[in-house]
């Protein structure tokens, strides 16, 4: 049952939306936003495969879960780099 759900594009879009909404409660931009965005991207790829607009890229639920994890890691590292880079203001407490 879980394998059918994890191979559905609609489920991945729902997972991505829920995780993006959870980002509003956390606000750290490190965990929920990248996982939500990668869930939405995974869902979009699966929906395009279901419609026939995209050739078969993900064959099973393990492939979609792996894509989701890799995209989450890449987006998390990218957002972490962007957020850390902008916070380079001089601290008044440095002696």
PDB file of N, CA and C in Angstrom:
ATOM      1  N   UNK A   1       0.821  -1.193   0.000  1.00  0.00           N
ATOM      2  CA  UNK A   1       0.000   0.000   0.000  1.00  0.00           C
ATOM      3  C   UNK A   1       0.867   1.259   0.000  1.00  0.00           C
ATOM      4  N   UNK A   2       1.910   1.272   0.833  1.00  0.00           N
ATOM      5  CA  UNK A   2       2.777   2.444   0.921  1.00  0.00           C
ATOM      6  C   UNK A   2       3.557   2.657  -0.375  1.00  0.00           C
ATOM      7  N   UNK A   3       3.879   1.561  -1.063  1.00  0.00           N
ATOM      8  CA  UNK A   3       4.616   1.697  -2.319  1.00  0.00           C
ATOM      9  C   UNK A   3       3.761   2.347  -3.398  1.00  0.00           C
ATOM     10  N   UNK A   4       2.468   2.092  -3.396  1.00  0.00           N
ATOM     11  CA  UNK A   4       1.565   2.731  -4.357  1.00  0.00           C
ATOM     12  C   UNK A   4       1.431   4.214  -4.039  1.00  0.00           C
ATOM     13  N   UNK A   5       1.339   4.551  -2.765  1.00  0.00           N
ATOM     14  CA  UNK A   5       1.202   5.953  -2.373  1.00  0.00           C
ATOM     15  C   UNK A   5       2.458   6.762  -2.683  1.00  0.00           C
ATOM     16  N   UNK A   6       3.636   6.181  -2.471  1.00  0.00           N
ATOM     17  CA  UNK A   6       4.870   6.911  -2.711  1.00  0.00           C
ATOM     18  C   UNK A   6       5.227   7.015  -4.194  1.00  0.00           C
ATOM     19  N   UNK A   7       4.484   6.352  -5.048  1.00  0.00           N
ATOM     20  CA  UNK A   7       4.712   6.474  -6.487  1.00  0.00           C
ATOM     21  C   UNK A   7       3.643   7.341  -7.151  1.00  0.00           C
ATOM     22  N   UNK A   8       2.776   7.949  -6.352  1.00  0.00           N
ATOM     23  CA  UNK A   8       1.716   8.804  -6.878  1.00  0.00           C
ATOM     24  C   UNK A   8       2.167  10.267  -6.864  1.00  0.00           C
ATOM     25  N   UNK A   9       1.965  10.939  -7.970  1.00  0.00           N
ATOM     26  CA  UNK A   9       2.333  12.350  -8.056  1.00  0.00           C
ATOM     27  C   UNK A   9       1.497  13.230  -7.143  1.00  0.00           C
ATOM     28  N   UNK A  10       0.220  12.891  -6.983  1.00  0.00           N
ATOM     29  CA  UNK A  10      -0.651  13.691  -6.116  1.00  0.00           C
ATOM     30  C   UNK A  10      -0.200  13.640  -4.659  1.00  0.00           C
ATOM     31  N   UNK A  11       0.222  12.474  -4.211  1.00  0.00           N
ATOM     32  CA  UNK A  11       0.683  12.331  -2.826  1.00  0.00           C
ATOM     33  C   UNK A  11       1.933  13.176  -2.593  1.00  0.00           C
ATOM     34  N   UNK A  12       2.851  13.183  -3.555  1.00  0.00           N
ATOM     35  CA  UNK A  12       4.066  13.975  -3.401  1.00  0.00           C
ATOM     36  C   UNK A  12       3.762  15.463  -3.400  1.00  0.00           C
ATOM     37  N   UNK A  13       2.781  15.878  -4.194  1.00  0.00           N
ATOM     38  CA  UNK A  13       2.393  17.289  -4.172  1.00  0.00           C
ATOM     39  C   UNK A  13       1.780  17.661  -2.824  1.00  0.00           C
ATOM     40  N   UNK A  14       1.001  16.764  -2.251  1.00  0.00           N
ATOM     41  CA  UNK A  14       0.409  17.015  -0.931  1.00  0.00           C
ATOM     42  C   UNK A  14       1.498  17.048   0.140  1.00  0.00           C
ATOM     43  N   UNK A  15       2.443  16.117   0.077  1.00  0.00           N
ATOM     44  CA  UNK A  15       3.552  16.098   1.041  1.00  0.00           C
ATOM     45  C   UNK A  15       4.345  17.403   0.942  1.00  0.00           C
ATOM     46  N   UNK A  16       4.633  17.842  -0.271  1.00  0.00           N
ATOM     47  CA  UNK A  16       5.382  19.087  -0.458  1.00  0.00           C
ATOM     48  C   UNK A  16       4.638  20.290   0.070  1.00  0.00           C
ATOM     49  N   UNK A  17       3.332  20.331  -0.154  1.00  0.00           N
ATOM     50  CA  UNK A  17       2.534  21.453   0.330  1.00  0.00           C
ATOM     51  C   UNK A  17       2.464  21.477   1.849  1.00  0.00           C
ATOM     52  N   UNK A  18       2.283  20.323   2.465  1.00  0.00           N
ATOM     53  CA  UNK A  18       2.229  20.253   3.937  1.00  0.00           C
ATOM     54  C   UNK A  18       3.568  20.681   4.537  1.00  0.00           C
ATOM     55  N   UNK A  19       4.664  20.232   3.966  1.00  0.00           N
ATOM     56  CA  UNK A  19       5.973  20.612   4.491  1.00  0.00           C
ATOM     57  C   UNK A  19       6.264  22.095   4.279  1.00  0.00           C
ATOM     58  N   UNK A  20       5.807  22.659   3.167  1.00  0.00           N
ATOM     59  CA  UNK A  20       5.985  24.092   2.936  1.00  0.00           C
ATOM     60  C   UNK A  20       5.143  24.904   3.918  1.00  0.00           C
ATOM     61  N   UNK A  21       3.963  24.423   4.254  1.00  0.00           N
ATOM     62  CA  UNK A  21       3.127  25.108   5.249  1.00  0.00           C
ATOM     63  C   UNK A  21       3.755  24.999   6.632  1.00  0.00           C
ATOM     64  N   UNK A  22       4.362  23.864   6.944  1.00  0.00           N
ATOM     65  CA  UNK A  22       5.057  23.712   8.229  1.00  0.00           C
ATOM     66  C   UNK A  22       6.230  24.677   8.354  1.00  0.00           C
ATOM     67  N   UNK A  23       6.780  25.105   7.240  1.00  0.00           N
ATOM     68  CA  UNK A  23       7.866  26.079   7.262  1.00  0.00           C
ATOM     69  C   UNK A  23       7.394  27.400   7.872  1.00  0.00           C
ATOM     70  N   UNK A  24       6.124  27.718   7.711  1.00  0.00           N
ATOM     71  CA  UNK A  24       5.594  28.946   8.295  1.00  0.00           C
ATOM     72  C   UNK A  24       5.644  28.926   9.817  1.00  0.00           C
ATOM     73  N   UNK A  25       5.571  27.745  10.418  1.00  0.00           N
ATOM     74  CA  UNK A  25       5.637  27.652  11.871  1.00  0.00           C
ATOM     75  C   UNK A  25       7.076  27.646  12.373  1.00  0.00           C
ATOM     76  N   UNK A  26       8.002  27.155  11.576  1.00  0.00           N
ATOM     77  CA  UNK A  26       9.393  27.032  11.996  1.00  0.00           C
ATOM     78  C   UNK A  26      10.202  28.266  11.606  1.00  0.00           C
ATOM     79  N   UNK A  27      10.242  28.579  10.329  1.00  0.00           N
ATOM     80  CA  UNK A  27      10.932  29.762   9.841  1.00  0.00           C
ATOM     81  C   UNK A  27      12.440  29.663   9.740  1.00  0.00           C
ATOM     82  N   UNK A  28      13.009  28.477   9.821  1.00  0.00           N
ATOM     83  CA  UNK A  28      14.466  28.363   9.802  1.00  0.00           C
ATOM     84  C   UNK A  28      15.030  28.245   8.382  1.00  0.00           C
ATOM     85  N   UNK A  29      14.218  27.928   7.403  1.00  0.00           N
ATOM     86  CA  UNK A  29      14.617  27.746   6.000  1.00  0.00           C
ATOM     87  C   UNK A  29      15.615  26.615   5.802  1.00  0.00           C
ATOM     88  N   UNK A  30      15.811  25.778   6.792  1.00  0.00           N
ATOM     89  CA  UNK A  30      16.821  24.729   6.688  1.00  0.00           C
ATOM     90  C   UNK A  30      16.203  23.360   6.430  1.00  0.00           C
ATOM     91  N   UNK A  31      15.063  23.063   7.029  1.00  0.00           N
ATOM     92  CA  UNK A  31      14.520  21.711   6.924  1.00  0.00           C
ATOM     93  C   UNK A  31      13.219  21.639   6.125  1.00  0.00           C
ATOM     94  N   UNK A  32      12.188  22.331   6.563  1.00  0.00           N
ATOM     95  CA  UNK A  32      10.870  22.153   5.971  1.00  0.00           C
ATOM     96  C   UNK A  32      10.746  22.736   4.563  1.00  0.00           C
ATOM     97  N   UNK A  33      11.336  23.885   4.302  1.00  0.00           N
ATOM     98  CA  UNK A  33      11.225  24.482   2.974  1.00  0.00           C
ATOM     99  C   UNK A  33      11.926  23.650   1.899  1.00  0.00           C
ATOM    100  N   UNK A  34      13.169  23.205   2.104  1.00  0.00           N
ATOM    101  CA  UNK A  34      13.796  22.371   1.075  1.00  0.00           C
ATOM    102  C   UNK A  34      13.096  21.026   0.865  1.00  0.00           C
ATOM    103  N   UNK A  35      12.641  20.405   1.944  1.00  0.00           N
ATOM    104  CA  UNK A  35      11.957  19.124   1.776  1.00  0.00           C
ATOM    105  C   UNK A  35      10.599  19.314   1.113  1.00  0.00           C
ATOM    106  N   UNK A  36       9.922  20.409   1.426  1.00  0.00           N
ATOM    107  CA  UNK A  36       8.652  20.693   0.778  1.00  0.00           C
ATOM    108  C   UNK A  36       8.818  21.003  -0.700  1.00  0.00           C
ATOM    109  N   UNK A  37       9.816  21.811  -1.026  1.00  0.00           N
ATOM    110  CA  UNK A  37      10.069  22.144  -2.426  1.00  0.00           C
ATOM    111  C   UNK A  37      10.488  20.914  -3.223  1.00  0.00           C
ATOM    112  N   UNK A  38      11.320  20.069  -2.624  1.00  0.00           N
ATOM    113  CA  UNK A  38      11.729  18.862  -3.345  1.00  0.00           C
ATOM    114  C   UNK A  38      10.563  17.882  -3.472  1.00  0.00           C
ATOM    115  N   UNK A  39       9.662  17.859  -2.497  1.00  0.00           N
ATOM    116  CA  UNK A  39       8.454  17.041  -2.624  1.00  0.00           C
ATOM    117  C   UNK A  39       7.573  17.517  -3.766  1.00  0.00           C
ATOM    118  N   UNK A  40       7.464  18.837  -3.911  1.00  0.00           N
ATOM    119  CA  UNK A  40       6.672  19.380  -5.018  1.00  0.00           C
ATOM    120  C   UNK A  40       7.327  19.095  -6.368  1.00  0.00           C
ATOM    121  N   UNK A  41       8.647  19.186  -6.437  1.00  0.00           N
ATOM    122  CA  UNK A  41       9.353  18.877  -7.688  1.00  0.00           C
ATOM    123  C   UNK A  41       9.197  17.403  -8.036  1.00  0.00           C
ATOM    124  N   UNK A  42       9.314  16.537  -7.039  1.00  0.00           N
ATOM    125  CA  UNK A  42       9.130  15.099  -7.262  1.00  0.00           C
ATOM    126  C   UNK A  42       7.707  14.814  -7.731  1.00  0.00           C
ATOM    127  N   UNK A  43       6.731  15.458  -7.100  1.00  0.00           N
ATOM    128  CA  UNK A  43       5.338  15.285  -7.514  1.00  0.00           C
ATOM    129  C   UNK A  43       5.100  15.776  -8.926  1.00  0.00           C
ATOM    130  N   UNK A  44       5.723  16.885  -9.284  1.00  0.00           N
ATOM    131  CA  UNK A  44       5.577  17.414 -10.639  1.00  0.00           C
ATOM    132  C   UNK A  44       6.178  16.459 -11.668  1.00  0.00           C
ATOM    133  N   UNK A  45       7.332  15.899 -11.366  1.00  0.00           N
ATOM    134  CA  UNK A  45       7.951  14.931 -12.282  1.00  0.00           C
ATOM    135  C   UNK A  45       7.064  13.704 -12.441  1.00  0.00           C
ATOM    136  N   UNK A  46       6.523  13.201 -11.336  1.00  0.00           N
ATOM    137  CA  UNK A  46       5.649  12.027 -11.412  1.00  0.00           C
ATOM    138  C   UNK A  46       4.358  12.331 -12.170  1.00  0.00           C
ATOM    139  N   UNK A  47       3.801  13.526 -11.979  1.00  0.00           N
ATOM    140  CA  UNK A  47       2.587  13.902 -12.710  1.00  0.00           C
ATOM    141  C   UNK A  47       2.865  14.015 -14.201  1.00  0.00           C
ATOM    142  N   UNK A  48       4.010  14.575 -14.570  1.00  0.00           N
ATOM    143  CA  UNK A  48       4.369  14.666 -15.983  1.00  0.00           C
ATOM    144  C   UNK A  48       4.600  13.286 -16.593  1.00  0.00           C
ATOM    145  N   UNK A  49       5.136  12.364 -15.808  1.00  0.00           N
ATOM    146  CA  UNK A  49       5.286  10.986 -16.282  1.00  0.00           C
ATOM    147  C   UNK A  49       3.936  10.318 -16.463  1.00  0.00           C
ATOM    148  N   UNK A  50       2.996  10.585 -15.539  1.00  0.00           N
ATOM    149  CA  UNK A  50       1.668   9.981 -15.644  1.00  0.00           C
ATOM    150  C   UNK A  50       0.927  10.492 -16.869  1.00  0.00           C
ATOM    151  N   UNK A  51       1.126  11.769 -17.209  1.00  0.00           N
ATOM    152  CA  UNK A  51       0.457  12.343 -18.378  1.00  0.00           C
ATOM    153  C   UNK A  51       1.130  11.959 -19.693  1.00  0.00           C
ATOM    154  N   UNK A  52       2.332  11.470 -19.641  1.00  0.00           N
ATOM    155  CA  UNK A  52       3.062  11.094 -20.845  1.00  0.00           C
ATOM    156  C   UNK A  52       3.868  12.235 -21.421  1.00  0.00           C
ATOM    157  N   UNK A  53       3.960  13.368 -20.728  1.00  0.00           N
ATOM    158  CA  UNK A  53       4.724  14.512 -21.212  1.00  0.00           C
ATOM    159  C   UNK A  53       6.220  14.341 -21.008  1.00  0.00           C
ATOM    160  N   UNK A  54       6.576  13.475 -20.095  1.00  0.00           N
ATOM    161  CA  UNK A  54       7.971  13.229 -19.760  1.00  0.00           C
ATOM    162  C   UNK A  54       8.235  11.735 -19.877  1.00  0.00           C
ATOM    163  N   UNK A  55       9.370  11.342 -20.459  1.00  0.00           N
ATOM    164  CA  UNK A  55       9.659   9.901 -20.495  1.00  0.00           C
ATOM    165  C   UNK A  55       9.840   9.350 -19.087  1.00  0.00           C
ATOM    166  N   UNK A  56       9.746   8.043 -18.959  1.00  0.00           N
ATOM    167  CA  UNK A  56       9.818   7.400 -17.647  1.00  0.00           C
ATOM    168  C   UNK A  56      11.212   7.607 -17.068  1.00  0.00           C
ATOM    169  N   UNK A  57      11.280   8.398 -16.009  1.00  0.00           N
ATOM    170  CA  UNK A  57      12.521   8.709 -15.322  1.00  0.00           C
ATOM    171  C   UNK A  57      12.571   7.980 -13.985  1.00  0.00           C
ATOM    172  N   UNK A  58      11.441   7.945 -13.305  1.00  0.00           N
ATOM    173  CA  UNK A  58      11.333   7.253 -12.024  1.00  0.00           C
ATOM    174  C   UNK A  58      10.498   5.997 -12.224  1.00  0.00           C
ATOM    175  N   UNK A  59      11.088   4.836 -11.959  1.00  0.00           N
ATOM    176  CA  UNK A  59      10.414   3.567 -12.221  1.00  0.00           C
ATOM    177  C   UNK A  59       9.578   3.064 -11.063  1.00  0.00           C
ATOM    178  N   UNK A  60       9.954   3.398  -9.839  1.00  0.00           N
ATOM    179  CA  UNK A  60       9.246   2.871  -8.676  1.00  0.00           C
ATOM    180  C   UNK A  60       9.313   3.872  -7.535  1.00  0.00           C
ATOM    181  N   UNK A  61       8.756   3.468  -6.392  1.00  0.00           N
ATOM    182  CA  UNK A  61       8.708   4.371  -5.247  1.00  0.00           C
ATOM    183  C   UNK A  61      10.083   4.637  -4.668  1.00  0.00           C
ATOM    184  N   UNK A  62      10.995   3.694  -4.788  1.00  0.00           N
ATOM    185  CA  UNK A  62      12.346   3.889  -4.260  1.00  0.00           C
ATOM    186  C   UNK A  62      13.075   4.981  -5.046  1.00  0.00           C
ATOM    187  N   UNK A  63      12.854   5.034  -6.335  1.00  0.00           N
ATOM    188  CA  UNK A  63      13.464   6.082  -7.146  1.00  0.00           C
ATOM    189  C   UNK A  63      12.923   7.458  -6.804  1.00  0.00           C
ATOM    190  N   UNK A  64      11.615   7.542  -6.574  1.00  0.00           N
ATOM    191  CA  UNK A  64      11.041   8.832  -6.211  1.00  0.00           C
ATOM    192  C   UNK A  64      11.488   9.269  -4.828  1.00  0.00           C
ATOM    193  N   UNK A  65      11.622   8.329  -3.913  1.00  0.00           N
ATOM    194  CA  UNK A  65      12.105   8.656  -2.566  1.00  0.00           C
ATOM    195  C   UNK A  65      13.569   9.085  -2.601  1.00  0.00           C
ATOM    196  N   UNK A  66      14.359   8.443  -3.437  1.00  0.00           N
ATOM    197  CA  UNK A  66      15.765   8.813  -3.576  1.00  0.00           C
ATOM    198  C   UNK A  66      15.911  10.196  -4.198  1.00  0.00           C
ATOM    199  N   UNK A  67      15.116  10.473  -5.246  1.00  0.00           N
ATOM    200  CA  UNK A  67      15.140  11.796  -5.867  1.00  0.00           C
ATOM    201  C   UNK A  67      14.744  12.867  -4.857  1.00  0.00           C
ATOM    202  N   UNK A  68      13.713  12.589  -4.054  1.00  0.00           N
ATOM    203  CA  UNK A  68      13.268  13.528  -3.040  1.00  0.00           C
ATOM    204  C   UNK A  68      14.378  13.815  -2.026  1.00  0.00           C
ATOM    205  N   UNK A  69      15.088  12.787  -1.580  1.00  0.00           N
ATOM    206  CA  UNK A  69      16.151  12.969  -0.596  1.00  0.00           C
ATOM    207  C   UNK A  69      17.323  13.761  -1.175  1.00  0.00           C
ATOM    208  N   UNK A  70      17.698  13.464  -2.413  1.00  0.00           N
ATOM    209  CA  UNK A  70      18.823  14.164  -3.036  1.00  0.00           C
ATOM    210  C   UNK A  70      18.470  15.624  -3.284  1.00  0.00           C
ATOM    211  N   UNK A  71      17.264  15.879  -3.786  1.00  0.00           N
ATOM    212  CA  UNK A  71      16.841  17.258  -3.998  1.00  0.00           C
ATOM    213  C   UNK A  71      16.735  18.021  -2.683  1.00  0.00           C
ATOM    214  N   UNK A  72      16.269  17.359  -1.633  1.00  0.00           N
ATOM    215  CA  UNK A  72      16.190  18.004  -0.316  1.00  0.00           C
ATOM    216  C   UNK A  72      17.568  18.411   0.172  1.00  0.00           C
ATOM    217  N   UNK A  73      18.529  17.531   0.025  1.00  0.00           N
ATOM    218  CA  UNK A  73      19.889  17.832   0.457  1.00  0.00           C
ATOM    219  C   UNK A  73      20.483  18.993  -0.339  1.00  0.00           C
ATOM    220  N   UNK A  74      20.309  18.974  -1.649  1.00  0.00           N
ATOM    221  CA  UNK A  74      20.861  20.034  -2.496  1.00  0.00           C
ATOM    222  C   UNK A  74      20.208  21.373  -2.177  1.00  0.00           C
ATOM    223  N   UNK A  75      18.881  21.386  -2.051  1.00  0.00           N
ATOM    224  CA  UNK A  75      18.187  22.635  -1.734  1.00  0.00           C
ATOM    225  C   UNK A  75      18.522  23.131  -0.332  1.00  0.00           C
ATOM    226  N   UNK A  76      18.677  22.225   0.610  1.00  0.00           N
ATOM    227  CA  UNK A  76      19.019  22.625   1.974  1.00  0.00           C
ATOM    228  C   UNK A  76      20.413  23.241   2.029  1.00  0.00           C
ATOM    229  N   UNK A  77      21.374  22.630   1.359  1.00  0.00           N
ATOM    230  CA  UNK A  77      22.726  23.191   1.336  1.00  0.00           C
ATOM    231  C   UNK A  77      22.761  24.527   0.611  1.00  0.00           C
ATOM    232  N   UNK A  78      22.007  24.633  -0.483  1.00  0.00           N
ATOM    233  CA  UNK A  78      21.950  25.899  -1.216  1.00  0.00           C
ATOM    234  C   UNK A  78      21.319  27.015  -0.400  1.00  0.00           C
ATOM    235  N   UNK A  79      20.204  26.729   0.262  1.00  0.00           N
ATOM    236  CA  UNK A  79      19.576  27.743   1.100  1.00  0.00           C
ATOM    237  C   UNK A  79      20.444  28.106   2.294  1.00  0.00           C
ATOM    238  N   UNK A  80      21.120  27.128   2.865  1.00  0.00           N
ATOM    239  CA  UNK A  80      22.009  27.392   3.987  1.00  0.00           C
ATOM    240  C   UNK A  80      23.152  28.310   3.560  1.00  0.00           C
ATOM    241  N   UNK A  81      23.689  28.084   2.374  1.00  0.00           N
ATOM    242  CA  UNK A  81      24.767  28.922   1.863  1.00  0.00           C
ATOM    243  C   UNK A  81      24.281  30.343   1.616  1.00  0.00           C
ATOM    244  N   UNK A  82      23.100  30.492   1.051  1.00  0.00           N
ATOM    245  CA  UNK A  82      22.560  31.822   0.760  1.00  0.00           C
ATOM    246  C   UNK A  82      22.248  32.583   2.043  1.00  0.00           C
ATOM    247  N   UNK A  83      21.639  31.914   3.005  1.00  0.00           N
ATOM    248  CA  UNK A  83      21.266  32.580   4.259  1.00  0.00           C
ATOM    249  C   UNK A  83      22.510  32.942   5.064  1.00  0.00           C
ATOM    250  N   UNK A  84      23.463  32.070   5.151  1.00  0.00           N
ATOM    251  CA  UNK A  84      24.685  32.349   5.916  1.00  0.00           C
ATOM    252  C   UNK A  84      25.514  33.455   5.263  1.00  0.00           C
ATOM    253  N   UNK A  85      25.504  33.516   3.959  1.00  0.00           N
ATOM    254  CA  UNK A  85      26.305  34.499   3.249  1.00  0.00           C
ATOM    255  C   UNK A  85      25.762  35.908   3.456  1.00  0.00           C
ATOM    256  N   UNK A  86      24.456  36.063   3.546  1.00  0.00           N
ATOM    257  CA  UNK A  86      23.865  37.387   3.712  1.00  0.00           C
ATOM    258  C   UNK A  86      23.999  37.918   5.135  1.00  0.00           C
ATOM    259  N   UNK A  87      24.255  37.062   6.098  1.00  0.00           N
ATOM    260  CA  UNK A  87      24.369  37.481   7.487  1.00  0.00           C
ATOM    261  C   UNK A  87      25.817  37.772   7.863  1.00  0.00           C
ATOM    262  N   UNK A  88      26.506  38.579   7.095  1.00  0.00           N
ATOM    263  CA  UNK A  88      27.905  38.895   7.379  1.00  0.00           C
ATOM    264  C   UNK A  88      28.052  40.303   7.927  1.00  0.00           C
ATOM    265  N   UNK A  89      27.105  40.759   8.724  1.00  0.00           N
ATOM    266  CA  UNK A  89      27.206  42.087   9.304  1.00  0.00           C
ATOM    267  C   UNK A  89      28.213  42.087  10.457  1.00  0.00           C
ATOM    268  N   UNK A  90      28.802  43.225  10.703  1.00  0.00           N
ATOM    269  CA  UNK A  90      29.752  43.346  11.801  1.00  0.00           C
ATOM    270  C   UNK A  90      29.023  43.322  13.126  1.00  0.00           C
ATOM    271  N   UNK A  91      29.544  42.537  14.023  1.00  0.00           N
ATOM    272  CA  UNK A  91      28.941  42.413  15.345  1.00  0.00           C
ATOM    273  C   UNK A  91      29.548  43.472  16.259  1.00  0.00           C
ATOM    274  N   UNK A  92      28.677  44.150  16.978  1.00  0.00           N
ATOM    275  CA  UNK A  92      29.146  45.200  17.880  1.00  0.00           C
ATOM    276  C   UNK A  92      29.870  44.625  19.095  1.00  0.00           C
ATOM    277  N   UNK A  93      29.660  43.354  19.369  1.00  0.00           N
ATOM    278  CA  UNK A  93      30.256  42.739  20.549  1.00  0.00           C
ATOM    279  C   UNK A  93      31.631  42.128  20.302  1.00  0.00           C
ATOM    280  N   UNK A  94      32.178  42.240  19.107  1.00  0.00           N
ATOM    281  CA  UNK A  94      33.518  41.730  18.846  1.00  0.00           C
ATOM    282  C   UNK A  94      34.547  42.689  19.428  1.00  0.00           C
ATOM    283  N   UNK A  95      35.442  42.194  20.259  1.00  0.00           N
ATOM    284  CA  UNK A  95      36.444  43.042  20.901  1.00  0.00           C
ATOM    285  C   UNK A  95      37.796  42.799  20.315  1.00  0.00           C
TER     286      UNK A  95
END
